[in-house]
Amino acid sequence: MFMSGSLECSLINSLSDRAVHIHDRLYLGGSHNIRGFQWNSIGPRVDSSALGGAASYAAILHIYRPLVPADMLFAHMFIANGSIASIRSKDRFNDMINAQRITAGLGLVFVFRNLIRFEMNYCIPCRYVPGDFCSPGLYFGAGINFL
């Protein structure tokens, strides 16, 4: 059994007088960072559309148990935490601390040739903000870069 942790912090500011374009803003949520939340669903929004933010962080702690084959298949438990601050925020740090999202879960991880990772997790959002798109359930992920 072994443990792994990751932390990702991001900050974006415009170099001109213009606001940061919505495509350049920061987004959180989904199987690659804050599991248990829909893709890019954390943070400020208008109706069902995410607006992104100017500062964000995401952290996760995993506990892995190798299965057979030991170098490819793992059972794991995790707890993830993250938040995002609006582009218009005057106090980004406090806004992120006051609107933290927390999710926990367990699942299976399959790593193919140390390149591609497949995950199947049961996630339970433990702390969320009204308007977030989250629900307990089974989530799938595939990719090369996970938090």
C-alpha atoms as a PDB file:
ATOM      1  CA  MET A   1       0.000   0.000   0.000  1.00  0.00           C
ATOM      2  CA  PHE A   2       1.224   3.504  -0.709  1.00  0.00           C
ATOM      3  CA  MET A   3       0.038   7.103  -0.517  1.00  0.00           C
ATOM      4  CA  SER A   4       0.233   9.912  -3.060  1.00  0.00           C
ATOM      5  CA  GLY A   5      -0.727  13.569  -2.921  1.00  0.00           C
ATOM      6  CA  SER A   6      -0.994  16.366  -5.475  1.00  0.00           C
ATOM      7  CA  LEU A   7      -1.538  20.109  -5.319  1.00  0.00           C
ATOM      8  CA  GLU A   8      -2.307  22.454  -8.201  1.00  0.00           C
ATOM      9  CA  CYS A   9      -2.535  26.237  -7.768  1.00  0.00           C
ATOM     10  CA  SER A  10      -3.318  28.649 -10.603  1.00  0.00           C
ATOM     11  CA  LEU A  11      -3.594  32.407 -11.004  1.00  0.00           C
ATOM     12  CA  ILE A  12      -4.367  34.401 -14.130  1.00  0.00           C
ATOM     13  CA  ASN A  13      -4.340  38.166 -14.676  1.00  0.00           C
ATOM     14  CA  SER A  14      -4.754  40.296 -17.767  1.00  0.00           C
ATOM     15  CA  LEU A  15      -1.696  42.213 -18.958  1.00  0.00           C
ATOM     16  CA  SER A  16      -3.925  44.926 -20.413  1.00  0.00           C
ATOM     17  CA  ASP A  17      -7.010  46.874 -19.327  1.00  0.00           C
ATOM     18  CA  ARG A  18      -9.272  44.229 -20.850  1.00  0.00           C
ATOM     19  CA  ALA A  19     -10.812  41.458 -18.773  1.00  0.00           C
ATOM     20  CA  VAL A  20      -9.475  37.925 -19.148  1.00  0.00           C
ATOM     21  CA  HIS A  21     -11.436  36.228 -21.941  1.00  0.00           C
ATOM     22  CA  ILE A  22     -13.793  33.454 -20.812  1.00  0.00           C
ATOM     23  CA  HIS A  23     -11.793  30.856 -22.787  1.00  0.00           C
ATOM     24  CA  ASP A  24      -8.623  31.774 -20.888  1.00  0.00           C
ATOM     25  CA  ARG A  25     -10.115  31.578 -17.392  1.00  0.00           C
ATOM     26  CA  LEU A  26      -9.535  28.804 -14.878  1.00  0.00           C
ATOM     27  CA  TYR A  27     -11.995  25.936 -14.464  1.00  0.00           C
ATOM     28  CA  LEU A  28     -12.327  23.048 -11.998  1.00  0.00           C
ATOM     29  CA  GLY A  29     -14.457  19.943 -11.787  1.00  0.00           C
ATOM     30  CA  GLY A  30     -14.402  16.563 -13.458  1.00  0.00           C
ATOM     31  CA  SER A  31     -12.558  13.285 -13.394  1.00  0.00           C
ATOM     32  CA  HIS A  32      -9.112  14.868 -13.812  1.00  0.00           C
ATOM     33  CA  ASN A  33      -9.111  17.146 -10.748  1.00  0.00           C
ATOM     34  CA  ILE A  34     -12.143  17.397  -8.405  1.00  0.00           C
ATOM     35  CA  ARG A  35     -13.892  14.073  -8.913  1.00  0.00           C
ATOM     36  CA  GLY A  36     -17.622  13.901  -8.140  1.00  0.00           C
ATOM     37  CA  PHE A  37     -18.342  17.241  -9.832  1.00  0.00           C
ATOM     38  CA  GLN A  38     -19.284  17.631 -13.477  1.00  0.00           C
ATOM     39  CA  TRP A  39     -16.635  18.782 -15.938  1.00  0.00           C
ATOM     40  CA  ASN A  40     -15.688  22.475 -15.334  1.00  0.00           C
ATOM     41  CA  SER A  41     -18.733  22.956 -13.089  1.00  0.00           C
ATOM     42  CA  ILE A  42     -17.115  24.510 -10.006  1.00  0.00           C
ATOM     43  CA  GLY A  43     -17.166  28.259  -9.561  1.00  0.00           C
ATOM     44  CA  PRO A  44     -19.108  31.298 -10.710  1.00  0.00           C
ATOM     45  CA  ARG A  45     -21.872  30.708 -13.228  1.00  0.00           C
ATOM     46  CA  VAL A  46     -24.780  32.239 -15.068  1.00  0.00           C
ATOM     47  CA  ASP A  47     -27.684  29.795 -15.208  1.00  0.00           C
ATOM     48  CA  SER A  48     -26.035  26.499 -16.204  1.00  0.00           C
ATOM     49  CA  SER A  49     -22.937  28.052 -17.820  1.00  0.00           C
ATOM     50  CA  ALA A  50     -19.623  28.201 -15.954  1.00  0.00           C
ATOM     51  CA  LEU A  51     -17.829  31.554 -16.100  1.00  0.00           C
ATOM     52  CA  GLY A  52     -14.425  30.387 -14.891  1.00  0.00           C
ATOM     53  CA  GLY A  53     -12.263  32.236 -12.435  1.00  0.00           C
ATOM     54  CA  ALA A  54      -9.006  34.091 -11.875  1.00  0.00           C
ATOM     55  CA  ALA A  55      -7.510  31.909  -9.128  1.00  0.00           C
ATOM     56  CA  SER A  56      -7.946  28.263  -8.230  1.00  0.00           C
ATOM     57  CA  TYR A  57      -6.464  25.421  -6.286  1.00  0.00           C
ATOM     58  CA  ALA A  58      -7.070  21.690  -6.193  1.00  0.00           C
ATOM     59  CA  ALA A  59      -5.524  19.150  -3.836  1.00  0.00           C
ATOM     60  CA  ILE A  60      -5.950  15.408  -3.523  1.00  0.00           C
ATOM     61  CA  LEU A  61      -4.688  12.625  -1.306  1.00  0.00           C
ATOM     62  CA  HIS A  62      -4.779   9.031  -2.622  1.00  0.00           C
ATOM     63  CA  ILE A  63      -4.177   5.732  -0.853  1.00  0.00           C
ATOM     64  CA  TYR A  64      -3.419   2.935  -3.321  1.00  0.00           C
ATOM     65  CA  ARG A  65      -3.459  -0.836  -2.871  1.00  0.00           C
ATOM     66  CA  PRO A  66      -1.861  -2.817  -5.734  1.00  0.00           C
ATOM     67  CA  LEU A  67      -3.976  -5.627  -7.175  1.00  0.00           C
ATOM     68  CA  VAL A  68      -3.036  -8.223  -9.823  1.00  0.00           C
ATOM     69  CA  PRO A  69      -1.069  -7.365 -11.945  1.00  0.00           C
ATOM     70  CA  ALA A  70       0.573  -5.265  -9.237  1.00  0.00           C
ATOM     71  CA  ASP A  71       2.098  -2.673 -11.569  1.00  0.00           C
ATOM     72  CA  MET A  72      -1.108  -2.021 -13.555  1.00  0.00           C
ATOM     73  CA  LEU A  73      -4.236  -2.409 -11.419  1.00  0.00           C
ATOM     74  CA  PHE A  74      -4.864  -0.610  -8.129  1.00  0.00           C
ATOM     75  CA  ALA A  75      -7.694  -0.119  -5.668  1.00  0.00           C
ATOM     76  CA  HIS A  76      -7.662   3.401  -4.295  1.00  0.00           C
ATOM     77  CA  MET A  77      -9.378   5.748  -1.874  1.00  0.00           C
ATOM     78  CA  PHE A  78      -9.120   9.497  -2.138  1.00  0.00           C
ATOM     79  CA  ILE A  79     -10.198  12.798  -0.702  1.00  0.00           C
ATOM     80  CA  ALA A  80     -10.052  15.906  -2.893  1.00  0.00           C
ATOM     81  CA  ASN A  81     -10.459  19.579  -2.089  1.00  0.00           C
ATOM     82  CA  GLY A  82     -10.553  22.627  -4.328  1.00  0.00           C
ATOM     83  CA  SER A  83     -12.008  26.039  -5.021  1.00  0.00           C
ATOM     84  CA  ILE A  84     -12.025  28.837  -7.532  1.00  0.00           C
ATOM     85  CA  ALA A  85     -12.280  32.642  -7.159  1.00  0.00           C
ATOM     86  CA  SER A  86     -14.215  34.866  -9.534  1.00  0.00           C
ATOM     87  CA  ILE A  87     -12.536  37.226 -11.988  1.00  0.00           C
ATOM     88  CA  ARG A  88     -14.231  40.094 -10.107  1.00  0.00           C
ATOM     89  CA  SER A  89     -13.146  38.927  -6.660  1.00  0.00           C
ATOM     90  CA  LYS A  90     -11.522  41.553  -4.420  1.00  0.00           C
ATOM     91  CA  ASP A  91     -10.135  38.963  -1.980  1.00  0.00           C
ATOM     92  CA  ARG A  92      -9.396  35.811  -3.966  1.00  0.00           C
ATOM     93  CA  PHE A  93      -7.738  33.897  -1.141  1.00  0.00           C
ATOM     94  CA  ASN A  94     -10.649  34.308   1.298  1.00  0.00           C
ATOM     95  CA  ASP A  95     -13.208  33.642  -1.443  1.00  0.00           C
ATOM     96  CA  MET A  96     -11.516  30.321  -2.196  1.00  0.00           C
ATOM     97  CA  ILE A  97     -11.235  29.363   1.488  1.00  0.00           C
ATOM     98  CA  ASN A  98     -14.903  30.188   2.139  1.00  0.00           C
ATOM     99  CA  ALA A  99     -16.186  28.217  -0.877  1.00  0.00           C
ATOM    100  CA  GLN A 100     -14.147  25.014  -0.676  1.00  0.00           C
ATOM    101  CA  ARG A 101     -15.465  21.863  -2.301  1.00  0.00           C
ATOM    102  CA  ILE A 102     -14.598  18.467  -0.826  1.00  0.00           C
ATOM    103  CA  THR A 103     -15.219  15.049  -2.306  1.00  0.00           C
ATOM    104  CA  ALA A 104     -14.222  11.551  -1.241  1.00  0.00           C
ATOM    105  CA  GLY A 105     -14.408   8.209  -2.930  1.00  0.00           C
ATOM    106  CA  LEU A 106     -12.972   4.861  -3.798  1.00  0.00           C
ATOM    107  CA  GLY A 107     -12.416   2.997  -7.004  1.00  0.00           C
ATOM    108  CA  LEU A 108     -10.155   1.145  -9.384  1.00  0.00           C
ATOM    109  CA  VAL A 109      -7.245   2.525 -11.381  1.00  0.00           C
ATOM    110  CA  PHE A 110      -5.748   0.769 -14.407  1.00  0.00           C
ATOM    111  CA  VAL A 111      -2.433   2.128 -15.710  1.00  0.00           C
ATOM    112  CA  PHE A 112      -1.461   0.972 -19.199  1.00  0.00           C
ATOM    113  CA  ARG A 113       2.299   1.048 -19.929  1.00  0.00           C
ATOM    114  CA  ASN A 114       2.808   3.929 -17.463  1.00  0.00           C
ATOM    115  CA  LEU A 115       1.219   6.174 -20.065  1.00  0.00           C
ATOM    116  CA  ILE A 116      -2.574   6.035 -20.039  1.00  0.00           C
ATOM    117  CA  ARG A 117      -4.668   5.917 -16.895  1.00  0.00           C
ATOM    118  CA  PHE A 118      -8.250   4.669 -16.614  1.00  0.00           C
ATOM    119  CA  GLU A 119     -10.295   5.256 -13.459  1.00  0.00           C
ATOM    120  CA  MET A 120     -13.654   4.035 -12.243  1.00  0.00           C
ATOM    121  CA  ASN A 121     -14.630   5.693  -8.963  1.00  0.00           C
ATOM    122  CA  TYR A 122     -17.607   5.988  -6.682  1.00  0.00           C
ATOM    123  CA  CYS A 123     -17.538   9.622  -5.529  1.00  0.00           C
ATOM    124  CA  ILE A 124     -19.384  11.359  -2.717  1.00  0.00           C
ATOM    125  CA  PRO A 125     -19.332  15.177  -2.741  1.00  0.00           C
ATOM    126  CA  CYS A 126     -19.020  16.054   0.964  1.00  0.00           C
ATOM    127  CA  ARG A 127     -18.993  19.837   0.676  1.00  0.00           C
ATOM    128  CA  TYR A 128     -20.310  21.909  -2.187  1.00  0.00           C
ATOM    129  CA  VAL A 129     -21.824  25.296  -2.929  1.00  0.00           C
ATOM    130  CA  PRO A 130     -25.448  25.721  -4.064  1.00  0.00           C
ATOM    131  CA  GLY A 131     -25.494  25.732  -7.858  1.00  0.00           C
ATOM    132  CA  ASP A 132     -22.626  23.245  -8.234  1.00  0.00           C
ATOM    133  CA  PHE A 133     -23.331  20.293 -10.503  1.00  0.00           C
ATOM    134  CA  CYS A 134     -22.392  17.360  -8.310  1.00  0.00           C
ATOM    135  CA  SER A 135     -23.945  14.127  -7.155  1.00  0.00           C
ATOM    136  CA  PRO A 136     -22.816  10.906  -5.515  1.00  0.00           C
ATOM    137  CA  GLY A 137     -22.279   8.177  -8.042  1.00  0.00           C
ATOM    138  CA  LEU A 138     -20.028   6.242 -10.357  1.00  0.00           C
ATOM    139  CA  TYR A 139     -17.590   8.301 -12.430  1.00  0.00           C
ATOM    140  CA  PHE A 140     -15.209   7.236 -15.198  1.00  0.00           C
ATOM    141  CA  GLY A 141     -12.033   8.933 -16.344  1.00  0.00           C
ATOM    142  CA  ALA A 142      -9.314   8.293 -18.905  1.00  0.00           C
ATOM    143  CA  GLY A 143      -6.239  10.335 -19.698  1.00  0.00           C
ATOM    144  CA  ILE A 144      -2.553  10.970 -19.162  1.00  0.00           C
ATOM    145  CA  ASN A 145      -2.676  13.796 -16.594  1.00  0.00           C
ATOM    146  CA  PHE A 146      -4.714  13.394 -13.397  1.00  0.00           C
ATOM    147  CA  LEU A 147      -4.540  15.245 -10.099  1.00  0.00           C
END
